[in-house]
């Protein structure tokens, strides 16, 4: 099967450099018309110019592709709506959204200013929500859409000094889970990509040998699969250095203890049984937890 995007229109946020640039170039190379969005700010989100986005557009056009530049901040919903309208006005539709825009303001939680916490959440979480909300009615109307969230191993598993980033990145997974359920009947598939890549956001954090292995280009195949018409939905795909994995949020079988006075003591004593992973499931929706709990409660009455 050939992964191509002929006739498709894609919006990639944060695409002026690093991983986003590679995403935009790859989609364009395979036939997509691409709106390249980038605020053009520093890693911490300060400043802004459309120059970075325009440079990527120039690259795409030089290679024979179609592209437009956009300098909107994803934190500004009105600007995001205008960005989506820009694509609609130019090409008549939006098929693919890659939520890649992000910033870093790393510090240990004890030293972190809550303004820095809030801004990171605004860019990563609210930025993704703004973009999804703006494209959603168009994707519903055309009965087709592919949305790729950019999560992170920091969100999935934690990382020292990145409480703000991790919270925002895992929140994107929560957004993905529900949008995938709500979008199913409209053929809107929503997935998440957890990249490990050397970009300006990771400079100075890793040895050069490791950075050399973590070329952003190595992550792009995972994005292309998640953005394609053959994409799965509600999948968390991890990618880095040419290696690909999947992450799952699972639910163990658990045990029923009832509601007696000594349940706290029983739970403490039998916690290993509760966390035992044999027979765990990947729930199809949040209702699975309640179904499991009530099922065990009713079975205990027999």
Protein backbone atom coordinates (compact mmCIF):
# COMPACT_ATOMS: atom_id res chain seq x y z
CA UNK A 1 0.00 0.00 0.00
CA UNK A 2 1.29 3.44 -0.93
CA UNK A 3 0.94 6.19 1.67
CA UNK A 4 0.00 9.21 -0.39
CA UNK A 5 -2.01 12.35 0.24
CA UNK A 6 -2.99 13.49 -3.23
CA UNK A 7 -6.05 15.73 -3.02
CA UNK A 8 -5.72 16.12 0.75
CA UNK A 9 -5.31 19.38 2.64
CA UNK A 10 -3.26 19.43 5.82
CA UNK A 11 -2.63 21.96 8.58
CA UNK A 12 0.54 21.48 10.62
CA UNK A 13 1.06 23.74 13.62
CA UNK A 14 4.49 24.61 14.93
CA UNK A 15 5.85 23.73 11.50
CA UNK A 16 8.45 26.45 11.08
CA UNK A 17 11.29 24.20 12.25
CA UNK A 18 12.23 20.90 13.85
CA UNK A 19 9.71 18.10 13.79
CA UNK A 20 6.83 20.22 12.48
CA UNK A 21 8.88 21.28 9.47
CA UNK A 22 9.65 17.65 8.69
CA UNK A 23 5.96 16.78 9.00
CA UNK A 24 4.98 19.55 6.59
CA UNK A 25 7.67 18.66 4.06
CA UNK A 26 6.76 14.97 4.15
CA UNK A 27 3.04 15.57 3.69
CA UNK A 28 3.73 17.93 0.79
CA UNK A 29 6.18 15.49 -0.82
CA UNK A 30 3.44 12.86 -0.81
CA UNK A 31 0.91 15.13 -2.44
CA UNK A 32 -0.85 17.10 0.29
CA UNK A 33 -1.51 20.81 0.12
CA UNK A 34 -0.09 22.11 3.39
CA UNK A 35 -0.86 25.15 5.51
CA UNK A 36 2.33 25.72 7.49
CA UNK A 37 1.57 27.38 10.82
CA UNK A 38 4.22 28.77 13.11
CA UNK A 39 4.21 31.67 15.53
CA UNK A 40 7.94 32.00 14.93
CA UNK A 41 8.71 32.50 18.60
CA UNK A 42 11.51 31.26 20.81
CA UNK A 43 11.44 27.84 22.51
CA UNK A 44 9.81 29.44 25.57
CA UNK A 45 7.07 30.95 23.41
CA UNK A 46 8.30 34.53 23.44
CA UNK A 47 8.41 36.67 20.30
CA UNK A 48 6.88 35.81 16.96
CA UNK A 49 7.27 36.22 13.20
CA UNK A 50 5.83 34.42 10.17
CA UNK A 51 9.32 34.17 8.64
CA UNK A 52 9.91 30.58 9.81
CA UNK A 53 6.62 29.35 8.35
CA UNK A 54 7.24 31.18 5.08
CA UNK A 55 10.68 29.57 4.74
CA UNK A 56 9.08 26.10 4.91
CA UNK A 57 6.42 27.16 2.41
CA UNK A 58 9.20 28.31 0.08
CA UNK A 59 10.87 24.90 0.42
CA UNK A 60 7.65 23.11 -0.44
CA UNK A 61 6.94 25.34 -3.43
CA UNK A 62 10.51 24.97 -4.68
CA UNK A 63 9.96 21.20 -4.71
CA UNK A 64 6.77 21.63 -6.74
CA UNK A 65 4.25 21.42 -3.91
CA UNK A 66 1.45 23.71 -2.73
CA UNK A 67 1.66 25.49 0.61
CA UNK A 68 0.59 28.57 2.53
CA UNK A 69 2.15 30.24 5.56
CA UNK A 70 0.31 31.25 8.71
CA UNK A 71 1.67 32.96 11.82
CA UNK A 72 -1.24 32.53 14.24
CA UNK A 73 -0.70 31.68 17.88
CA UNK A 74 -2.63 28.52 18.69
CA UNK A 75 -3.58 30.11 22.02
CA UNK A 76 -5.76 32.62 20.14
CA UNK A 77 -8.96 30.86 19.08
CA UNK A 78 -10.09 33.64 16.74
CA UNK A 79 -6.71 33.53 14.98
CA UNK A 80 -6.94 29.73 14.75
CA UNK A 81 -10.41 29.97 13.20
CA UNK A 82 -9.01 32.44 10.67
CA UNK A 83 -6.15 30.03 9.96
CA UNK A 84 -8.57 27.20 9.18
CA UNK A 85 -10.64 29.55 7.03
CA UNK A 86 -7.46 30.47 5.14
CA UNK A 87 -7.06 26.82 4.16
CA UNK A 88 -10.76 26.48 3.30
CA UNK A 89 -10.67 29.62 1.14
CA UNK A 90 -7.60 28.41 -0.73
CA UNK A 91 -8.36 24.71 -1.13
CA UNK A 92 -11.97 24.12 -0.13
CA UNK A 93 -11.41 21.62 2.67
CA UNK A 94 -9.22 20.49 5.57
CA UNK A 95 -8.52 16.76 5.80
CA UNK A 96 -5.60 16.57 8.21
CA UNK A 97 -4.64 18.44 11.36
CA UNK A 98 -1.29 17.81 12.99
CA UNK A 99 -1.19 19.50 16.41
CA UNK A 100 2.55 19.96 16.78
CA UNK A 101 2.95 23.48 18.23
CA UNK A 102 4.60 23.59 21.62
CA UNK A 103 6.92 25.41 24.00
CA UNK A 104 9.08 24.51 26.98
CA UNK A 105 9.45 26.30 30.30
CA UNK A 106 11.26 23.65 32.32
CA UNK A 107 11.90 23.91 36.05
CA UNK A 108 11.38 21.66 39.02
CA UNK A 109 7.85 22.05 40.35
CA UNK A 110 9.14 23.64 43.57
CA UNK A 111 10.79 26.43 41.57
CA UNK A 112 8.22 26.76 38.80
CA UNK A 113 6.21 29.96 38.45
CA UNK A 114 2.54 29.13 37.92
CA UNK A 115 2.46 31.58 35.02
CA UNK A 116 4.93 29.28 33.25
CA UNK A 117 2.78 26.28 34.12
CA UNK A 118 -0.29 27.98 32.70
CA UNK A 119 1.36 29.15 29.49
CA UNK A 120 2.64 25.66 28.65
CA UNK A 121 -0.85 24.25 29.22
CA UNK A 122 -2.34 27.03 27.08
CA UNK A 123 -0.05 26.29 24.14
CA UNK A 124 -0.07 22.49 24.21
CA UNK A 125 -3.55 21.65 25.48
CA UNK A 126 -5.69 24.67 24.67
CA UNK A 127 -3.80 25.18 21.42
CA UNK A 128 -4.68 21.63 20.34
CA UNK A 129 -8.28 22.09 21.52
CA UNK A 130 -8.60 25.37 19.59
CA UNK A 131 -7.33 23.77 16.40
CA UNK A 132 -9.54 20.70 16.79
CA UNK A 133 -12.60 22.87 17.45
CA UNK A 134 -11.90 25.02 14.40
CA UNK A 135 -11.51 22.10 11.98
CA UNK A 136 -14.22 19.91 13.52
CA UNK A 137 -17.31 21.31 11.72
CA UNK A 138 -15.52 21.10 8.37
CA UNK A 139 -14.47 17.50 8.97
CA UNK A 140 -17.99 16.60 10.11
CA UNK A 141 -19.50 18.21 7.01
CA UNK A 142 -17.17 16.37 4.65
CA UNK A 143 -17.45 13.11 6.65
CA UNK A 144 -13.69 12.77 6.81
CA UNK A 145 -10.85 13.88 9.03
CA UNK A 146 -7.53 12.79 10.46
CA UNK A 147 -6.21 14.51 13.60
CA UNK A 148 -2.80 13.82 15.12
CA UNK A 149 -2.07 15.05 18.62
CA UNK A 150 1.53 15.35 19.74
CA UNK A 151 1.90 13.83 23.18
CA UNK A 152 5.18 12.92 24.87
CA UNK A 153 6.87 10.26 26.96
CA UNK A 154 7.00 12.99 29.61
CA UNK A 155 3.20 13.08 29.64
CA UNK A 156 2.88 9.31 29.52
CA UNK A 157 5.58 8.44 32.06
CA UNK A 158 6.90 11.65 33.66
CA UNK A 159 10.22 13.49 33.55
CA UNK A 160 11.99 15.61 36.15
CA UNK A 161 11.52 19.35 35.68
CA UNK A 162 8.60 19.09 33.28
CA UNK A 163 5.44 19.02 35.41
CA UNK A 164 3.77 21.66 33.21
CA UNK A 165 4.77 20.00 29.93
CA UNK A 166 3.87 16.51 31.15
CA UNK A 167 0.45 17.59 32.40
CA UNK A 168 -0.34 19.30 29.10
CA UNK A 169 0.92 16.42 26.99
CA UNK A 170 -1.07 13.75 28.81
CA UNK A 171 -4.12 16.00 28.65
CA UNK A 172 -3.84 15.83 24.86
CA UNK A 173 -4.24 12.06 25.14
CA UNK A 174 -7.43 12.56 27.13
CA UNK A 175 -8.69 14.92 24.44
CA UNK A 176 -7.77 12.37 21.77
CA UNK A 177 -9.66 9.57 23.52
CA UNK A 178 -12.97 11.41 23.57
CA UNK A 179 -12.66 13.07 20.16
CA UNK A 180 -11.96 9.66 18.62
CA UNK A 181 -15.19 8.33 20.14
CA UNK A 182 -17.24 11.37 19.09
CA UNK A 183 -15.68 11.50 15.63
CA UNK A 184 -16.16 7.81 14.78
CA UNK A 185 -19.53 8.23 13.06
CA UNK A 186 -18.11 11.02 10.89
CA UNK A 187 -15.03 9.06 9.79
CA UNK A 188 -12.82 11.37 11.86
CA UNK A 189 -9.89 9.40 13.24
CA UNK A 190 -7.95 10.93 16.13
CA UNK A 191 -4.61 9.60 17.31
CA UNK A 192 -1.58 10.68 19.32
CA UNK A 193 2.10 10.63 18.45
CA UNK A 194 4.78 10.52 21.15
CA UNK A 195 8.02 11.53 19.40
CA UNK A 196 11.58 11.33 20.61
CA UNK A 197 13.50 13.71 18.38
CA UNK A 198 16.43 16.08 18.50
CA UNK A 199 15.09 19.58 17.91
CA UNK A 200 15.90 22.99 19.32
CA UNK A 201 13.65 22.03 22.25
CA UNK A 202 16.02 19.16 23.16
CA UNK A 203 19.38 20.81 22.45
CA UNK A 204 21.65 20.62 25.47
CA UNK A 205 19.54 17.92 27.13
CA UNK A 206 21.24 14.90 25.54
CA UNK A 207 24.76 13.82 24.42
CA UNK A 208 25.58 14.60 20.78
CA UNK A 209 25.74 10.90 19.84
CA UNK A 210 22.18 10.44 21.05
CA UNK A 211 21.01 13.63 19.33
CA UNK A 212 22.51 12.37 16.06
CA UNK A 213 20.44 9.17 16.33
CA UNK A 214 17.26 11.07 17.10
CA UNK A 215 16.81 12.84 13.79
CA UNK A 216 13.31 14.37 13.50
CA UNK A 217 12.95 12.66 10.14
CA UNK A 218 12.87 9.29 11.91
CA UNK A 219 9.58 10.20 13.61
CA UNK A 220 7.78 11.29 10.44
CA UNK A 221 6.69 7.81 9.25
CA UNK A 222 4.53 7.44 12.36
CA UNK A 223 2.84 10.77 11.67
CA UNK A 224 2.20 9.80 8.06
CA UNK A 225 0.55 6.54 9.12
CA UNK A 226 -1.65 8.33 11.67
CA UNK A 227 -2.62 11.05 9.18
CA UNK A 228 -3.41 8.71 6.29
CA UNK A 229 -6.87 7.53 5.24
CA UNK A 230 -5.90 4.03 6.46
CA UNK A 231 -5.06 5.35 9.96
CA UNK A 232 -6.29 3.62 13.09
CA UNK A 233 -8.09 5.68 15.72
CA UNK A 234 -7.44 6.10 19.47
CA UNK A 235 -3.86 4.90 19.03
CA UNK A 236 -0.84 6.29 20.90
CA UNK A 237 2.12 5.68 18.62
CA UNK A 238 5.63 6.27 19.94
CA UNK A 239 8.54 6.91 17.60
CA UNK A 240 12.22 7.79 17.77
CA UNK A 241 15.51 6.86 16.07
CA UNK A 242 13.63 4.64 13.61
CA UNK A 243 11.98 2.60 16.38
CA UNK A 244 8.21 2.48 16.80
CA UNK A 245 6.14 1.42 19.80
CA UNK A 246 2.59 1.82 21.06
CA UNK A 247 1.51 3.03 24.49
CA UNK A 248 -1.74 1.94 26.14
CA UNK A 249 -3.78 3.16 29.08
CA UNK A 250 -4.99 -0.06 30.64
CA UNK A 251 -7.36 -1.25 33.35
CA UNK A 252 -6.52 -4.23 35.56
CA UNK A 253 -9.09 -6.87 36.50
CA UNK A 254 -9.01 -5.68 40.12
CA UNK A 255 -10.80 -7.28 43.08
CA UNK A 256 -14.10 -6.65 44.84
CA UNK A 257 -13.84 -5.75 48.53
CA UNK A 258 -17.25 -4.27 49.24
CA UNK A 259 -17.87 -1.27 51.48
CA UNK A 260 -17.19 -2.61 54.97
CA UNK A 261 -15.49 -0.67 57.74
CA UNK A 262 -12.21 -2.55 57.29
CA UNK A 263 -12.00 -2.12 53.49
CA UNK A 264 -9.13 0.39 53.73
CA UNK A 265 -7.07 -2.19 55.63
CA UNK A 266 -8.08 -4.95 53.19
CA UNK A 267 -7.18 -2.77 50.22
CA UNK A 268 -3.77 -1.95 51.69
CA UNK A 269 -3.10 -5.63 52.36
CA UNK A 270 -4.22 -6.78 48.91
CA UNK A 271 -3.00 -3.86 46.78
CA UNK A 272 -0.70 -6.17 44.81
CA UNK A 273 -3.78 -8.08 43.60
CA UNK A 274 -5.42 -4.83 42.51
CA UNK A 275 -2.38 -3.79 40.49
CA UNK A 276 -1.73 -7.27 39.03
CA UNK A 277 -1.55 -6.80 35.25
CA UNK A 278 -2.53 -10.30 34.11
CA UNK A 279 -5.80 -9.99 32.23
CA UNK A 280 -5.72 -6.20 32.01
CA UNK A 281 -7.73 -4.55 29.26
CA UNK A 282 -7.50 -1.47 27.05
CA UNK A 283 -10.95 0.06 27.62
CA UNK A 284 -12.93 1.22 24.60
CA UNK A 285 -14.36 4.06 26.67
CA UNK A 286 -14.42 5.35 30.24
CA UNK A 287 -17.56 3.30 30.85
CA UNK A 288 -15.42 0.15 31.00
CA UNK A 289 -14.24 1.01 34.51
CA UNK A 290 -17.76 1.31 35.89
CA UNK A 291 -18.86 -1.82 34.02
CA UNK A 292 -16.02 -3.82 35.59
CA UNK A 293 -16.71 -2.44 39.08
CA UNK A 294 -20.47 -2.99 39.04
CA UNK A 295 -20.04 -6.40 37.44
CA UNK A 296 -17.77 -7.57 40.22
CA UNK A 297 -20.08 -6.09 42.86
CA UNK A 298 -23.12 -7.89 41.45
CA UNK A 299 -21.18 -11.15 41.09
CA UNK A 300 -20.15 -10.93 44.74
CA UNK A 301 -23.82 -10.99 45.78
CA UNK A 302 -24.40 -14.39 44.25
